[in-house]
Amino acid sequence: MTITAEAIALAITRTGEAADQPAIKVLQVSVGLGERICFGIASVLVVPVAEESLFRGILYPFIKQRGYPLLALVGTSVLFGLIHVNLMSLVPLTFFAIDSVI
């Protein structure tokens, strides 16, 4: 698949403006440069590694080893989409997660 996660996750409101995400709101109200740097590092490096470790390193193999490979694939992918708390990006993120496993 050649579509990036950012392109998939972009949610457009009915007015044509990009939907405000909670992370963007936090970044906009952070006061100092240090806070912005820490937030940037966490959101670019720490969070994706933690998500991959949880979903692909722990949950997926755990469910698959119990004899439910399809449930492991679909269940962890839907859960991955749900934790991003954005209904506009739920389906695209779910398919992105499925594609990353296959």
N, C-alpha and C. Protein backbone atom coordinates (compact mmCIF):
# COMPACT_ATOMS: atom_id res chain seq x y z
N MET A 1 0.84 -1.16 0.00
CA MET A 1 0.00 0.00 0.00
C MET A 1 0.90 1.24 0.00
N THR A 2 0.59 2.21 -0.83
CA THR A 2 1.45 3.38 -0.95
C THR A 2 0.92 4.60 -0.22
N ILE A 3 -0.24 4.49 0.38
CA ILE A 3 -0.81 5.62 1.11
C ILE A 3 -0.21 5.67 2.51
N THR A 4 0.23 6.84 2.94
CA THR A 4 0.85 6.97 4.26
C THR A 4 -0.22 7.07 5.34
N ALA A 5 0.20 6.83 6.57
CA ALA A 5 -0.72 6.90 7.71
C ALA A 5 -1.27 8.32 7.87
N GLU A 6 -0.44 9.32 7.62
CA GLU A 6 -0.89 10.70 7.76
C GLU A 6 -1.98 11.01 6.75
N ALA A 7 -1.83 10.53 5.52
CA ALA A 7 -2.84 10.78 4.50
C ALA A 7 -4.13 10.05 4.85
N ILE A 8 -4.01 8.87 5.38
CA ILE A 8 -5.20 8.10 5.75
C ILE A 8 -5.92 8.76 6.92
N ALA A 9 -5.15 9.21 7.90
CA ALA A 9 -5.75 9.71 9.14
C ALA A 9 -6.27 11.14 9.03
N LEU A 10 -6.02 11.82 7.92
CA LEU A 10 -6.48 13.21 7.79
C LEU A 10 -8.00 13.23 7.72
N ALA A 11 -8.61 13.86 8.69
CA ALA A 11 -10.07 13.93 8.74
C ALA A 11 -10.50 15.33 8.34
N ILE A 12 -11.38 15.43 7.37
CA ILE A 12 -11.87 16.72 6.91
C ILE A 12 -13.30 16.90 7.41
N THR A 13 -13.54 18.06 8.02
CA THR A 13 -14.89 18.35 8.51
C THR A 13 -15.77 18.78 7.34
N ARG A 14 -17.02 18.96 7.60
CA ARG A 14 -17.97 19.35 6.53
C ARG A 14 -17.65 20.72 5.97
N THR A 15 -16.97 21.56 6.74
CA THR A 15 -16.62 22.89 6.24
C THR A 15 -15.36 22.87 5.40
N GLY A 16 -14.70 21.74 5.32
CA GLY A 16 -13.49 21.64 4.52
C GLY A 16 -12.22 21.92 5.29
N GLU A 17 -12.35 22.22 6.58
CA GLU A 17 -11.19 22.49 7.40
C GLU A 17 -10.74 21.20 8.07
N ALA A 18 -9.45 21.10 8.34
CA ALA A 18 -8.93 19.93 9.04
C ALA A 18 -9.49 19.92 10.46
N ALA A 19 -9.89 18.76 10.92
CA ALA A 19 -10.45 18.64 12.27
C ALA A 19 -9.34 18.82 13.30
N ASP A 20 -9.64 19.55 14.37
CA ASP A 20 -8.67 19.74 15.44
C ASP A 20 -8.52 18.45 16.23
N GLN A 21 -7.30 18.01 16.38
CA GLN A 21 -7.02 16.83 17.17
C GLN A 21 -6.55 17.27 18.55
N PRO A 22 -6.82 16.45 19.58
CA PRO A 22 -6.41 16.84 20.94
C PRO A 22 -4.92 17.13 21.06
N ALA A 23 -4.10 16.38 20.37
CA ALA A 23 -2.65 16.60 20.45
C ALA A 23 -2.27 17.97 19.91
N ILE A 24 -2.93 18.41 18.86
CA ILE A 24 -2.65 19.73 18.29
C ILE A 24 -3.07 20.82 19.25
N LYS A 25 -4.20 20.64 19.92
CA LYS A 25 -4.65 21.63 20.90
C LYS A 25 -3.66 21.76 22.05
N VAL A 26 -3.12 20.64 22.53
CA VAL A 26 -2.13 20.69 23.61
C VAL A 26 -0.88 21.42 23.13
N LEU A 27 -0.45 21.13 21.94
CA LEU A 27 0.74 21.78 21.39
C LEU A 27 0.54 23.29 21.23
N GLN A 28 -0.65 23.71 20.87
CA GLN A 28 -0.94 25.12 20.68
C GLN A 28 -0.93 25.90 21.98
N VAL A 29 -1.30 25.27 23.10
CA VAL A 29 -1.34 25.99 24.37
C VAL A 29 -0.09 25.80 25.21
N SER A 30 0.84 24.95 24.76
CA SER A 30 2.07 24.77 25.53
C SER A 30 2.87 26.06 25.49
N VAL A 31 3.43 26.41 26.63
CA VAL A 31 4.03 27.72 26.81
C VAL A 31 5.47 27.78 26.30
N GLY A 32 6.32 26.94 26.80
CA GLY A 32 7.73 27.08 26.51
C GLY A 32 8.22 26.19 25.37
N LEU A 33 9.40 26.55 24.90
CA LEU A 33 10.03 25.77 23.84
C LEU A 33 10.35 24.36 24.33
N GLY A 34 10.78 24.23 25.59
CA GLY A 34 11.09 22.92 26.16
C GLY A 34 9.89 21.99 26.14
N GLU A 35 8.70 22.54 26.49
CA GLU A 35 7.48 21.73 26.45
C GLU A 35 7.18 21.27 25.03
N ARG A 36 7.36 22.15 24.08
CA ARG A 36 7.09 21.80 22.69
C ARG A 36 8.06 20.74 22.18
N ILE A 37 9.31 20.84 22.56
CA ILE A 37 10.31 19.85 22.14
C ILE A 37 9.99 18.50 22.76
N CYS A 38 9.69 18.48 24.07
CA CYS A 38 9.35 17.21 24.74
C CYS A 38 8.10 16.59 24.13
N PHE A 39 7.10 17.40 23.86
CA PHE A 39 5.87 16.91 23.25
C PHE A 39 6.15 16.36 21.86
N GLY A 40 6.96 17.05 21.09
CA GLY A 40 7.31 16.60 19.75
C GLY A 40 8.05 15.28 19.76
N ILE A 41 9.02 15.14 20.66
CA ILE A 41 9.78 13.90 20.76
C ILE A 41 8.85 12.75 21.19
N ALA A 42 8.00 13.03 22.15
CA ALA A 42 7.08 11.98 22.62
C ALA A 42 6.12 11.55 21.52
N SER A 43 5.59 12.51 20.78
CA SER A 43 4.60 12.16 19.76
C SER A 43 5.20 11.55 18.51
N VAL A 44 6.47 11.82 18.24
CA VAL A 44 7.09 11.29 17.03
C VAL A 44 7.86 10.00 17.30
N LEU A 45 8.46 9.88 18.47
CA LEU A 45 9.30 8.71 18.76
C LEU A 45 8.70 7.75 19.78
N VAL A 46 8.30 8.25 20.90
CA VAL A 46 7.89 7.40 22.02
C VAL A 46 6.54 6.73 21.77
N VAL A 47 5.54 7.49 21.39
CA VAL A 47 4.19 6.95 21.24
C VAL A 47 4.11 5.88 20.14
N PRO A 48 4.67 6.11 18.94
CA PRO A 48 4.59 5.05 17.93
C PRO A 48 5.29 3.75 18.35
N VAL A 49 6.41 3.87 19.03
CA VAL A 49 7.12 2.67 19.50
C VAL A 49 6.28 1.95 20.55
N ALA A 50 5.67 2.70 21.45
CA ALA A 50 4.81 2.09 22.47
C ALA A 50 3.59 1.41 21.84
N GLU A 51 2.98 2.06 20.85
CA GLU A 51 1.83 1.46 20.17
C GLU A 51 2.22 0.16 19.48
N GLU A 52 3.30 0.18 18.74
CA GLU A 52 3.75 -1.03 18.04
C GLU A 52 4.10 -2.14 19.02
N SER A 53 4.74 -1.78 20.12
CA SER A 53 5.10 -2.79 21.12
C SER A 53 3.85 -3.44 21.71
N LEU A 54 2.85 -2.62 22.01
CA LEU A 54 1.62 -3.14 22.60
C LEU A 54 0.83 -3.99 21.60
N PHE A 55 0.57 -3.44 20.42
CA PHE A 55 -0.31 -4.12 19.47
C PHE A 55 0.37 -5.25 18.72
N ARG A 56 1.55 -5.02 18.19
CA ARG A 56 2.21 -6.04 17.37
C ARG A 56 3.15 -6.92 18.17
N GLY A 57 3.61 -6.43 19.31
CA GLY A 57 4.54 -7.20 20.11
C GLY A 57 3.91 -8.00 21.23
N ILE A 58 2.74 -7.55 21.71
CA ILE A 58 2.11 -8.22 22.85
C ILE A 58 0.73 -8.78 22.48
N LEU A 59 -0.21 -7.91 22.11
CA LEU A 59 -1.59 -8.35 21.89
C LEU A 59 -1.74 -9.29 20.69
N TYR A 60 -1.20 -8.92 19.54
CA TYR A 60 -1.35 -9.74 18.35
C TYR A 60 -0.79 -11.15 18.54
N PRO A 61 0.49 -11.31 18.99
CA PRO A 61 1.00 -12.67 19.17
C PRO A 61 0.26 -13.44 20.27
N PHE A 62 -0.17 -12.75 21.32
CA PHE A 62 -0.88 -13.42 22.41
C PHE A 62 -2.17 -14.06 21.90
N ILE A 63 -2.96 -13.29 21.16
CA ILE A 63 -4.24 -13.80 20.66
C ILE A 63 -3.99 -14.85 19.57
N LYS A 64 -3.02 -14.62 18.71
CA LYS A 64 -2.72 -15.56 17.62
C LYS A 64 -2.25 -16.91 18.17
N GLN A 65 -1.42 -16.90 19.21
CA GLN A 65 -0.92 -18.14 19.80
C GLN A 65 -2.01 -18.93 20.51
N ARG A 66 -3.10 -18.26 20.87
CA ARG A 66 -4.22 -18.95 21.50
C ARG A 66 -5.09 -19.66 20.47
N GLY A 67 -4.75 -19.52 19.18
CA GLY A 67 -5.48 -20.22 18.14
C GLY A 67 -6.50 -19.37 17.41
N TYR A 68 -6.40 -18.06 17.52
CA TYR A 68 -7.35 -17.17 16.86
C TYR A 68 -6.62 -16.15 15.98
N PRO A 69 -6.00 -16.59 14.88
CA PRO A 69 -5.23 -15.66 14.06
C PRO A 69 -6.08 -14.57 13.41
N LEU A 70 -7.29 -14.89 12.97
CA LEU A 70 -8.14 -13.88 12.36
C LEU A 70 -8.61 -12.86 13.39
N LEU A 71 -8.98 -13.33 14.57
CA LEU A 71 -9.36 -12.42 15.65
C LEU A 71 -8.19 -11.54 16.05
N ALA A 72 -6.99 -12.11 16.07
CA ALA A 72 -5.80 -11.32 16.40
C ALA A 72 -5.61 -10.21 15.39
N LEU A 73 -5.75 -10.53 14.12
CA LEU A 73 -5.56 -9.54 13.06
C LEU A 73 -6.62 -8.45 13.11
N VAL A 74 -7.88 -8.86 13.09
CA VAL A 74 -8.97 -7.89 13.03
C VAL A 74 -9.15 -7.17 14.37
N GLY A 75 -9.10 -7.92 15.46
CA GLY A 75 -9.31 -7.32 16.78
C GLY A 75 -8.28 -6.28 17.15
N THR A 76 -7.00 -6.60 16.96
CA THR A 76 -5.96 -5.61 17.29
C THR A 76 -5.99 -4.44 16.33
N SER A 77 -6.39 -4.67 15.09
CA SER A 77 -6.47 -3.57 14.12
C SER A 77 -7.60 -2.61 14.45
N VAL A 78 -8.77 -3.16 14.81
CA VAL A 78 -9.90 -2.30 15.21
C VAL A 78 -9.56 -1.56 16.50
N LEU A 79 -8.96 -2.23 17.45
CA LEU A 79 -8.56 -1.58 18.69
C LEU A 79 -7.56 -0.47 18.43
N PHE A 80 -6.62 -0.69 17.50
CA PHE A 80 -5.66 0.34 17.11
C PHE A 80 -6.38 1.57 16.58
N GLY A 81 -7.39 1.35 15.75
CA GLY A 81 -8.16 2.48 15.22
C GLY A 81 -8.96 3.18 16.30
N LEU A 82 -9.51 2.43 17.25
CA LEU A 82 -10.34 3.01 18.31
C LEU A 82 -9.55 3.86 19.29
N ILE A 83 -8.31 3.49 19.58
CA ILE A 83 -7.57 4.26 20.59
C ILE A 83 -7.21 5.65 20.11
N HIS A 84 -7.35 5.91 18.83
CA HIS A 84 -7.05 7.24 18.31
C HIS A 84 -8.23 8.19 18.46
N VAL A 85 -9.36 7.71 18.98
CA VAL A 85 -10.52 8.50 19.38
C VAL A 85 -10.94 9.50 18.30
N ASN A 86 -11.02 9.04 17.06
CA ASN A 86 -11.46 9.90 15.98
C ASN A 86 -12.25 9.03 15.01
N LEU A 87 -13.55 9.20 14.99
CA LEU A 87 -14.40 8.36 14.16
C LEU A 87 -14.10 8.52 12.67
N MET A 88 -13.65 9.69 12.26
CA MET A 88 -13.33 9.91 10.85
C MET A 88 -12.13 9.08 10.41
N SER A 89 -11.24 8.77 11.34
CA SER A 89 -10.04 8.01 10.97
C SER A 89 -10.10 6.56 11.42
N LEU A 90 -11.20 6.13 12.02
CA LEU A 90 -11.31 4.75 12.53
C LEU A 90 -11.13 3.73 11.41
N VAL A 91 -11.90 3.83 10.36
CA VAL A 91 -11.82 2.85 9.27
C VAL A 91 -10.47 2.90 8.57
N PRO A 92 -9.97 4.08 8.18
CA PRO A 92 -8.66 4.10 7.53
C PRO A 92 -7.53 3.56 8.41
N LEU A 93 -7.53 3.91 9.70
CA LEU A 93 -6.49 3.41 10.59
C LEU A 93 -6.61 1.91 10.80
N THR A 94 -7.83 1.40 10.83
CA THR A 94 -8.02 -0.04 10.97
C THR A 94 -7.43 -0.77 9.77
N PHE A 95 -7.72 -0.28 8.56
CA PHE A 95 -7.16 -0.92 7.36
C PHE A 95 -5.64 -0.74 7.30
N PHE A 96 -5.14 0.39 7.76
CA PHE A 96 -3.70 0.60 7.81
C PHE A 96 -3.06 -0.42 8.75
N ALA A 97 -3.69 -0.67 9.89
CA ALA A 97 -3.15 -1.64 10.85
C ALA A 97 -3.18 -3.06 10.27
N ILE A 98 -4.25 -3.40 9.57
CA ILE A 98 -4.34 -4.72 8.94
C ILE A 98 -3.24 -4.86 7.88
N ASP A 99 -3.05 -3.82 7.09
CA ASP A 99 -2.03 -3.84 6.05
C ASP A 99 -0.63 -3.96 6.63
N SER A 100 -0.40 -3.37 7.80
CA SER A 100 0.94 -3.43 8.38
C SER A 100 1.28 -4.83 8.90
N VAL A 101 0.26 -5.63 9.20
CA VAL A 101 0.49 -7.00 9.67
C VAL A 101 0.69 -7.95 8.49
N ILE A 102 -0.09 -7.72 7.46
CA ILE A 102 -0.03 -8.63 6.29
C ILE A 102 1.18 -8.36 5.50
